């Protein structure tokens, strides 16, 4: 703040010591330049407010904050009871998980899984679709029914919907994938690339977008509002024929594991991924990614092959790669690879977890990790198509702090 008294002091200083006048003038010039710049900013701000542009921006921010709050409520459902706007306890959603089976045309089958009805090794349901010879096998994702789902298309377009808005097929009902609902139908030549659970969005630092050929880029959390508002994340590819494989939500200190169909695994820090699209893992021409997930201390890495054989390792079995675009560690021997063994899925698990498996004949089976660690296999009549960790809602005892 320049006061009249300060100005009088400077004038007196210049009169008594003319050599200091240039320094005083320079200081005043700098101050006037700052005030002129600030005045221009305030002028533009007033124009934006009068035209409604700033109001629209604030409204978008409020909408995004409300969306994040809703995500947090759903993320915490079953763990704590959050009040609604009136201060009353919000009703809790059905405590179920869901298994989603989807194809590139946007069809999504949702089969609810009730924890109290689960039995290890037993078929949950059977999809009445012939997957033999299918050019692209279906994808499978298991998640909590209270989750929010991001549909990511190969064009870079995205759409967010609550899982519970997707029609739930009872396990006893006959169903076919090509007749399942398309919550957001692909436009033109678009293809549905992947499904991503995003209830953790308000808690993350980064999103890692990974392509089938293991090219990756990281996206800061500051971009999430724009991505959701514009419904566009970018295609995330550099090579012809490549497409987005997954979007992984993570923190700055998190570590990722990427697993390829030919049986190679790479462990890498999230911070090592570039903001621009670069190769994260070097794959052969006939290879592509089948899994990408976060790994935490004390977790196990469980890898499933098309023959139903399981490979499990402790998380410290794989060193963190110090450089990107390396081939990674082989988890399937070359002799088994030559015999046609391929990886269909992998996950970070604990001994108390469960998983789901999709078989070539359309069967979906559920398995406890305790049984899988003991047997080392998922019994199959032909081949496995997909394998996924199955998150389970907290039990009533855990959610109330009892037991």
Protein backbone atom coordinates (compact mmCIF):
# COMPACT_ATOMS: atom_id res chain seq x y z
CA UNK A 1 0.00 0.00 0.00
CA UNK A 2 1.48 3.38 -1.07
CA UNK A 3 0.30 6.16 1.30
CA UNK A 4 0.50 9.96 0.74
CA UNK A 5 3.03 10.13 3.57
CA UNK A 6 5.23 7.58 1.73
CA UNK A 7 5.07 9.65 -1.47
CA UNK A 8 6.11 12.80 0.47
CA UNK A 9 9.11 10.91 1.87
CA UNK A 10 10.17 9.82 -1.63
CA UNK A 11 9.90 13.39 -3.00
CA UNK A 12 12.02 14.70 -0.14
CA UNK A 13 14.52 11.88 -0.66
CA UNK A 14 14.80 12.74 -4.38
CA UNK A 15 15.30 16.44 -3.63
CA UNK A 16 18.00 15.82 -1.04
CA UNK A 17 19.74 12.95 -2.88
CA UNK A 18 19.05 13.19 -6.66
CA UNK A 19 21.01 9.95 -7.28
CA UNK A 20 18.21 7.93 -5.61
CA UNK A 21 15.49 9.39 -7.91
CA UNK A 22 15.95 6.70 -10.57
CA UNK A 23 15.42 3.91 -8.02
CA UNK A 24 12.25 5.58 -6.71
CA UNK A 25 10.89 6.02 -10.25
CA UNK A 26 11.63 2.36 -11.05
CA UNK A 27 9.76 1.23 -7.92
CA UNK A 28 6.78 3.42 -8.83
CA UNK A 29 6.79 2.10 -12.40
CA UNK A 30 6.74 -1.50 -11.18
CA UNK A 31 3.86 -0.72 -8.83
CA UNK A 32 1.88 1.04 -11.57
CA UNK A 33 2.46 -1.89 -13.93
CA UNK A 34 1.10 -4.33 -11.31
CA UNK A 35 -1.93 -2.11 -10.62
CA UNK A 36 -2.69 -1.81 -14.34
CA UNK A 37 -2.48 -5.61 -14.74
CA UNK A 38 -4.71 -6.18 -11.72
CA UNK A 39 -7.19 -3.60 -13.00
CA UNK A 40 -7.34 -5.45 -16.33
CA UNK A 41 -8.00 -8.76 -14.54
CA UNK A 42 -10.82 -7.23 -12.49
CA UNK A 43 -12.26 -5.63 -15.63
CA UNK A 44 -12.31 -9.00 -17.40
CA UNK A 45 -13.81 -10.62 -14.29
CA UNK A 46 -16.64 -8.06 -14.30
CA UNK A 47 -17.29 -8.71 -17.99
CA UNK A 48 -17.40 -12.45 -17.35
CA UNK A 49 -19.82 -11.98 -14.47
CA UNK A 50 -22.09 -9.68 -16.48
CA UNK A 51 -22.11 -12.05 -19.48
CA UNK A 52 -22.86 -15.08 -17.32
CA UNK A 53 -19.67 -16.96 -18.27
CA UNK A 54 -18.28 -16.89 -14.74
CA UNK A 55 -21.66 -17.89 -13.30
CA UNK A 56 -21.74 -20.89 -15.64
CA UNK A 57 -18.20 -21.85 -14.58
CA UNK A 58 -19.15 -21.66 -10.89
CA UNK A 59 -22.27 -23.72 -11.57
CA UNK A 60 -20.14 -26.38 -13.31
CA UNK A 61 -17.79 -26.49 -10.33
CA UNK A 62 -20.71 -26.82 -7.90
CA UNK A 63 -22.19 -29.61 -10.02
CA UNK A 64 -18.85 -31.44 -10.06
CA UNK A 65 -18.43 -31.06 -6.29
CA UNK A 66 -21.93 -32.42 -5.74
CA UNK A 67 -21.08 -35.35 -8.03
CA UNK A 68 -17.91 -36.05 -6.05
CA UNK A 69 -19.89 -35.97 -2.79
CA UNK A 70 -22.36 -38.45 -4.25
CA UNK A 71 -19.46 -40.72 -5.28
CA UNK A 72 -18.04 -40.58 -1.76
CA UNK A 73 -21.42 -41.48 -0.27
CA UNK A 74 -21.68 -44.50 -2.53
CA UNK A 75 -18.05 -45.41 -1.89
CA UNK A 76 -18.69 -45.44 1.85
CA UNK A 77 -22.09 -47.10 1.70
CA UNK A 78 -22.12 -50.16 3.91
CA UNK A 79 -19.25 -48.80 6.00
CA UNK A 80 -20.88 -45.75 7.60
CA UNK A 81 -24.35 -44.19 7.51
CA UNK A 82 -24.26 -40.75 5.94
CA UNK A 83 -27.08 -38.25 6.54
CA UNK A 84 -29.06 -36.76 3.68
CA UNK A 85 -29.72 -33.06 3.17
CA UNK A 86 -32.42 -33.07 5.89
CA UNK A 87 -30.08 -34.66 8.40
CA UNK A 88 -31.82 -38.01 8.38
CA UNK A 89 -29.86 -41.26 7.86
CA UNK A 90 -29.67 -42.01 4.15
CA UNK A 91 -31.17 -45.35 3.09
CA UNK A 92 -28.51 -47.96 2.44
CA UNK A 93 -28.39 -49.64 -1.00
CA UNK A 94 -28.74 -53.38 -1.39
CA UNK A 95 -25.54 -54.95 -0.12
CA UNK A 96 -24.54 -56.83 -3.24
CA UNK A 97 -21.72 -57.13 -5.71
CA UNK A 98 -22.20 -57.33 -9.47
CA UNK A 99 -20.47 -59.18 -12.26
CA UNK A 100 -20.52 -57.34 -15.59
CA UNK A 101 -19.90 -59.14 -18.89
CA UNK A 102 -19.64 -56.83 -21.91
CA UNK A 103 -18.70 -56.74 -25.59
CA UNK A 104 -17.27 -54.05 -27.88
CA UNK A 105 -20.76 -53.23 -29.22
CA UNK A 106 -21.72 -51.87 -25.79
CA UNK A 107 -23.89 -54.73 -24.53
CA UNK A 108 -23.56 -55.15 -20.76
CA UNK A 109 -24.91 -58.08 -18.74
CA UNK A 110 -25.14 -57.43 -15.01
CA UNK A 111 -25.55 -60.39 -12.67
CA UNK A 112 -25.94 -59.51 -8.96
CA UNK A 113 -24.02 -61.57 -6.40
CA UNK A 114 -25.43 -61.95 -2.88
CA UNK A 115 -22.72 -62.69 -0.35
CA UNK A 116 -24.87 -64.96 1.78
CA UNK A 117 -25.61 -67.17 -1.25
CA UNK A 118 -22.01 -67.58 -2.42
CA UNK A 119 -20.44 -71.03 -2.55
CA UNK A 120 -16.90 -71.63 -3.75
CA UNK A 121 -16.52 -73.58 -6.98
CA UNK A 122 -20.22 -73.44 -7.84
CA UNK A 123 -21.62 -72.03 -11.09
CA UNK A 124 -23.39 -68.72 -10.53
CA UNK A 125 -25.08 -68.64 -13.94
CA UNK A 126 -24.52 -69.54 -17.59
CA UNK A 127 -24.69 -67.06 -20.45
CA UNK A 128 -26.48 -68.51 -23.48
CA UNK A 129 -23.95 -67.18 -25.99
CA UNK A 130 -21.54 -69.19 -28.13
CA UNK A 131 -18.11 -67.68 -27.43
CA UNK A 132 -16.22 -70.33 -29.42
CA UNK A 133 -14.46 -68.70 -32.36
CA UNK A 134 -15.55 -65.20 -31.31
CA UNK A 135 -13.16 -62.67 -32.84
CA UNK A 136 -12.94 -60.66 -29.63
CA UNK A 137 -13.68 -62.41 -26.32
CA UNK A 138 -16.02 -60.54 -23.96
CA UNK A 139 -14.71 -58.50 -21.08
CA UNK A 140 -15.62 -59.13 -17.45
CA UNK A 141 -15.54 -56.82 -14.45
CA UNK A 142 -16.64 -57.59 -10.89
CA UNK A 143 -17.43 -54.68 -8.57
CA UNK A 144 -19.73 -53.43 -5.82
CA UNK A 145 -23.28 -52.67 -6.95
CA UNK A 146 -23.01 -49.24 -5.30
CA UNK A 147 -20.16 -48.26 -7.68
CA UNK A 148 -20.16 -45.63 -10.39
CA UNK A 149 -19.08 -46.91 -13.78
CA UNK A 150 -17.14 -45.11 -16.51
CA UNK A 151 -17.69 -46.44 -20.03
CA UNK A 152 -14.59 -45.71 -22.13
CA UNK A 153 -14.82 -45.94 -25.92
CA UNK A 154 -11.96 -46.34 -28.39
CA UNK A 155 -12.59 -42.82 -29.72
CA UNK A 156 -11.79 -41.34 -26.31
CA UNK A 157 -15.42 -40.62 -25.48
CA UNK A 158 -16.55 -41.53 -21.96
CA UNK A 159 -19.89 -41.84 -20.18
CA UNK A 160 -20.52 -42.24 -16.44
CA UNK A 161 -23.48 -44.20 -15.03
CA UNK A 162 -24.30 -45.82 -11.68
CA UNK A 163 -23.98 -49.60 -11.80
CA UNK A 164 -27.45 -49.96 -10.32
CA UNK A 165 -28.96 -48.27 -13.40
CA UNK A 166 -27.90 -51.26 -15.53
CA UNK A 167 -30.59 -53.93 -15.66
CA UNK A 168 -29.78 -56.79 -13.27
CA UNK A 169 -30.40 -60.30 -14.61
CA UNK A 170 -31.26 -62.86 -11.91
CA UNK A 171 -28.72 -65.67 -11.96
CA UNK A 172 -31.53 -68.14 -12.71
CA UNK A 173 -32.64 -66.26 -15.85
CA UNK A 174 -31.46 -67.36 -19.31
CA UNK A 175 -29.54 -64.53 -20.96
CA UNK A 176 -27.54 -63.80 -24.10
CA UNK A 177 -24.88 -61.14 -24.41
CA UNK A 178 -25.99 -59.79 -27.80
CA UNK A 179 -29.48 -59.09 -26.40
CA UNK A 180 -28.26 -57.35 -23.25
CA UNK A 181 -28.89 -53.61 -22.75
CA UNK A 182 -26.53 -50.98 -24.17
CA UNK A 183 -26.53 -48.23 -21.49
CA UNK A 184 -24.68 -45.91 -23.89
CA UNK A 185 -24.70 -47.17 -27.44
CA UNK A 186 -21.47 -46.70 -29.44
CA UNK A 187 -21.72 -43.96 -32.05
CA UNK A 188 -20.84 -44.76 -35.63
CA UNK A 189 -17.78 -47.01 -35.71
CA UNK A 190 -17.08 -46.61 -32.00
CA UNK A 191 -16.25 -49.63 -29.85
CA UNK A 192 -16.59 -50.02 -26.10
CA UNK A 193 -12.98 -50.38 -24.92
CA UNK A 194 -13.35 -50.91 -21.16
CA UNK A 195 -15.42 -50.37 -18.03
CA UNK A 196 -13.84 -48.55 -15.08
CA UNK A 197 -15.18 -48.26 -11.49
CA UNK A 198 -14.72 -44.62 -10.47
CA UNK A 199 -16.26 -44.16 -7.01
CA UNK A 200 -12.71 -43.41 -5.76
CA UNK A 201 -12.37 -40.33 -7.99
CA UNK A 202 -12.52 -37.76 -5.15
CA UNK A 203 -9.68 -39.57 -3.35
CA UNK A 204 -7.11 -39.96 -6.14
CA UNK A 205 -4.15 -37.97 -7.46
CA UNK A 206 -3.83 -39.51 -10.92
CA UNK A 207 -5.53 -41.53 -13.62
CA UNK A 208 -3.30 -43.78 -15.70
CA UNK A 209 -4.69 -44.49 -19.18
CA UNK A 210 -3.17 -47.66 -20.65
CA UNK A 211 -3.61 -49.05 -24.16
CA UNK A 212 -3.75 -52.71 -25.25
CA UNK A 213 -0.19 -52.39 -26.58
CA UNK A 214 1.00 -51.00 -23.21
CA UNK A 215 1.29 -47.33 -24.13
CA UNK A 216 0.36 -45.13 -21.19
CA UNK A 217 -0.09 -41.57 -19.98
CA UNK A 218 -0.96 -40.09 -16.60
CA UNK A 219 -3.70 -37.53 -16.11
CA UNK A 220 -3.76 -35.26 -13.05
CA UNK A 221 -6.87 -35.10 -10.87
CA UNK A 222 -7.33 -31.45 -11.85
CA UNK A 223 -8.40 -32.67 -15.30
CA UNK A 224 -11.19 -34.95 -14.02
CA UNK A 225 -13.84 -32.22 -13.95
CA UNK A 226 -13.13 -31.32 -17.58
CA UNK A 227 -13.07 -34.98 -18.68
CA UNK A 228 -16.45 -35.71 -17.12
CA UNK A 229 -18.00 -32.42 -18.29
CA UNK A 230 -16.83 -32.87 -21.88
CA UNK A 231 -17.24 -36.67 -21.81
CA UNK A 232 -13.83 -37.06 -23.42
CA UNK A 233 -10.55 -38.51 -22.11
CA UNK A 234 -8.69 -38.98 -25.42
CA UNK A 235 -7.97 -42.17 -27.31
CA UNK A 236 -4.62 -42.67 -25.52
CA UNK A 237 -2.92 -44.43 -28.44
CA UNK A 238 0.01 -43.90 -30.79
CA UNK A 239 -0.15 -47.00 -32.98
CA UNK A 240 -2.69 -47.93 -35.68
CA UNK A 241 -5.02 -50.66 -34.47
CA UNK A 242 -4.30 -49.95 -30.81
CA UNK A 243 -7.00 -48.81 -28.37
CA UNK A 244 -7.51 -47.95 -24.72
CA UNK A 245 -7.30 -51.02 -22.51
CA UNK A 246 -7.90 -49.61 -19.03
CA UNK A 247 -7.95 -46.48 -16.89
CA UNK A 248 -6.41 -47.01 -13.45
CA UNK A 249 -7.18 -44.66 -10.57
CA UNK A 250 -4.25 -44.17 -8.22
CA UNK A 251 -2.28 -41.98 -5.83
CA UNK A 252 1.11 -40.42 -6.46
CA UNK A 253 2.92 -43.10 -4.43
CA UNK A 254 1.02 -46.09 -5.86
CA UNK A 255 2.54 -48.87 -7.93
CA UNK A 256 1.02 -50.59 -10.95
CA UNK A 257 1.29 -54.08 -12.30
CA UNK A 258 0.74 -54.74 -16.01
CA UNK A 259 0.31 -58.32 -17.24
CA UNK A 260 0.30 -59.42 -20.88
CA UNK A 261 -1.49 -62.33 -22.57
CA UNK A 262 1.82 -64.00 -23.42
CA UNK A 263 2.73 -64.08 -19.75
CA UNK A 264 4.95 -61.07 -19.03
CA UNK A 265 4.57 -58.87 -15.94
CA UNK A 266 5.86 -55.36 -15.23
CA UNK A 267 5.78 -53.55 -11.88
CA UNK A 268 6.14 -49.79 -12.15
CA UNK A 269 5.58 -46.66 -10.07
CA UNK A 270 2.70 -44.43 -11.11
CA UNK A 271 4.98 -41.38 -11.05
CA UNK A 272 7.20 -42.95 -13.72
CA UNK A 273 4.40 -42.70 -16.27
CA UNK A 274 4.69 -39.65 -18.52
CA UNK A 275 1.99 -37.03 -19.09
CA UNK A 276 2.36 -37.75 -22.80
CA UNK A 277 1.63 -41.09 -24.44
CA UNK A 278 4.72 -43.29 -24.21
CA UNK A 279 5.47 -47.00 -24.13
CA UNK A 280 5.27 -48.36 -20.58
CA UNK A 281 5.98 -52.02 -21.41
CA UNK A 282 7.56 -53.56 -24.50
CA UNK A 283 5.32 -56.23 -26.02
CA UNK A 284 5.73 -58.60 -28.94
CA UNK A 285 3.68 -58.06 -32.10
CA UNK A 286 1.20 -60.78 -31.15
CA UNK A 287 0.99 -59.78 -27.49
CA UNK A 288 -1.31 -57.39 -25.65
CA UNK A 289 -2.26 -56.49 -22.09
CA UNK A 290 -4.90 -58.50 -20.24
CA UNK A 291 -4.63 -56.93 -16.76
CA UNK A 292 -3.57 -53.68 -15.13
CA UNK A 293 -4.05 -52.99 -11.42
CA UNK A 294 -2.59 -51.44 -8.28
CA UNK A 295 -0.47 -53.52 -5.91
CA UNK A 296 0.00 -52.86 -2.19
CA UNK A 297 2.28 -54.42 0.46
CA UNK A 298 1.21 -57.84 1.78
CA UNK A 299 -1.01 -58.52 -1.23
CA UNK A 300 -0.56 -61.52 -3.50
CA UNK A 301 -0.51 -61.45 -7.29
CA UNK A 302 -2.82 -64.12 -8.74
CA UNK A 303 -2.57 -64.91 -12.45
CA UNK A 304 -5.03 -67.18 -14.30
CA UNK A 305 -4.34 -68.94 -17.61
CA UNK A 306 -6.76 -70.15 -20.27
CA UNK A 307 -6.22 -73.73 -19.06
CA UNK A 308 -7.41 -72.80 -15.57
CA UNK A 309 -3.93 -73.02 -14.04
CA UNK A 310 -3.13 -70.40 -11.42
CA UNK A 311 0.14 -68.69 -10.62
CA UNK A 312 0.37 -66.79 -7.34
CA UNK A 313 3.30 -64.83 -6.02
CA UNK A 314 3.88 -62.45 -3.12
CA UNK A 315 3.98 -58.81 -4.14
CA UNK A 316 7.71 -58.55 -3.29
CA UNK A 317 8.50 -61.27 -5.85
CA UNK A 318 8.56 -58.62 -8.56
CA UNK A 319 11.03 -55.76 -8.42
CA UNK A 320 9.96 -52.26 -9.35
CA UNK A 321 11.21 -51.43 -12.82
CA UNK A 322 13.43 -48.36 -12.82
CA UNK A 323 12.89 -47.72 -16.52
CA UNK A 324 9.82 -47.78 -18.74
CA UNK A 325 9.28 -49.68 -21.98
CA UNK A 326 10.96 -52.87 -20.82
CA UNK A 327 9.58 -56.35 -21.41
CA UNK A 328 9.07 -57.22 -17.76
CA UNK A 329 9.37 -60.56 -15.97
CA UNK A 330 8.11 -63.81 -17.55
CA UNK A 331 5.50 -65.55 -15.38
CA UNK A 332 4.77 -68.27 -17.95
CA UNK A 333 7.65 -70.46 -19.15
CA UNK A 334 8.56 -70.48 -22.84
CA UNK A 335 7.69 -74.19 -23.10
CA UNK A 336 4.19 -73.58 -21.71
CA UNK A 337 3.84 -70.61 -24.02
CA UNK A 338 4.75 -72.80 -26.99
CA UNK A 339 2.03 -75.23 -25.89
CA UNK A 340 -0.60 -72.49 -26.22
CA UNK A 341 -0.87 -71.38 -22.59
CA UNK A 342 -2.09 -67.78 -22.39
CA UNK A 343 -2.92 -65.46 -19.50
CA UNK A 344 -6.59 -64.43 -19.31
CA UNK A 345 -6.48 -62.27 -16.19
CA UNK A 346 -4.63 -61.27 -13.03
CA UNK A 347 -5.40 -59.43 -9.82
CA UNK A 348 -3.97 -58.28 -6.50
CA UNK A 349 -5.66 -60.36 -3.80
CA UNK A 350 -5.64 -61.36 -0.15
CA UNK A 351 -6.38 -64.79 1.27
CA UNK A 352 -9.90 -63.84 2.39
CA UNK A 353 -10.91 -62.57 -1.08
CA UNK A 354 -13.07 -64.13 -3.79
CA UNK A 355 -12.86 -64.13 -7.58
CA UNK A 356 -15.09 -64.83 -10.57
CA UNK A 357 -14.24 -66.72 -13.76
CA UNK A 358 -15.91 -66.71 -17.18
CA UNK A 359 -15.66 -70.00 -19.10
CA UNK A 360 -15.78 -70.59 -22.86
CA UNK A 361 -19.19 -72.28 -22.53
CA UNK A 362 -20.66 -69.17 -20.86
CA UNK A 363 -20.49 -70.41 -17.28
CA UNK A 364 -19.61 -67.94 -14.56
CA UNK A 365 -18.13 -69.55 -11.45
CA UNK A 366 -17.20 -68.09 -8.06
CA UNK A 367 -14.16 -69.15 -6.06
CA UNK A 368 -12.69 -68.35 -2.65
CA UNK A 369 -8.98 -67.56 -2.65
CA UNK A 370 -8.43 -70.09 0.13
CA UNK A 371 -9.63 -72.88 -2.17
CA UNK A 372 -7.70 -71.56 -5.17
CA UNK A 373 -4.43 -71.30 -3.24
CA UNK A 374 -4.92 -74.87 -2.05
CA UNK A 375 -5.75 -76.38 -5.45
CA UNK A 376 -3.81 -74.07 -7.79
CA UNK A 377 -6.46 -74.45 -10.49
CA UNK A 378 -9.91 -73.39 -11.61
CA UNK A 379 -11.62 -76.53 -12.99
CA UNK A 380 -12.51 -76.00 -16.67
CA UNK A 381 -14.20 -78.15 -19.31
CA UNK A 382 -12.64 -76.22 -22.20
CA UNK A 383 -11.02 -72.82 -21.59
CA UNK A 384 -11.25 -69.76 -19.40
CA UNK A 385 -12.04 -66.48 -21.13
CA UNK A 386 -11.74 -64.03 -18.25
CA UNK A 387 -10.86 -63.81 -14.57
CA UNK A 388 -11.61 -61.02 -12.10
CA UNK A 389 -11.21 -60.22 -8.43
CA UNK A 390 -14.67 -60.01 -6.80
CA UNK A 391 -15.04 -57.14 -4.28
CA UNK A 392 -17.55 -57.91 -1.55
CA UNK A 393 -19.61 -55.43 0.50
CA UNK A 394 -18.78 -55.23 4.16
CA UNK A 395 -20.84 -57.41 6.41
CA UNK A 396 -23.35 -55.86 8.81
CA UNK A 397 -21.07 -56.68 11.74
CA UNK A 398 -18.12 -54.88 10.16
CA UNK A 399 -20.12 -51.86 9.09
CA UNK A 400 -21.37 -51.32 12.67
CA UNK A 401 -17.98 -51.99 14.25
CA UNK A 402 -19.01 -55.25 15.89
CA UNK A 403 -17.17 -58.57 15.78
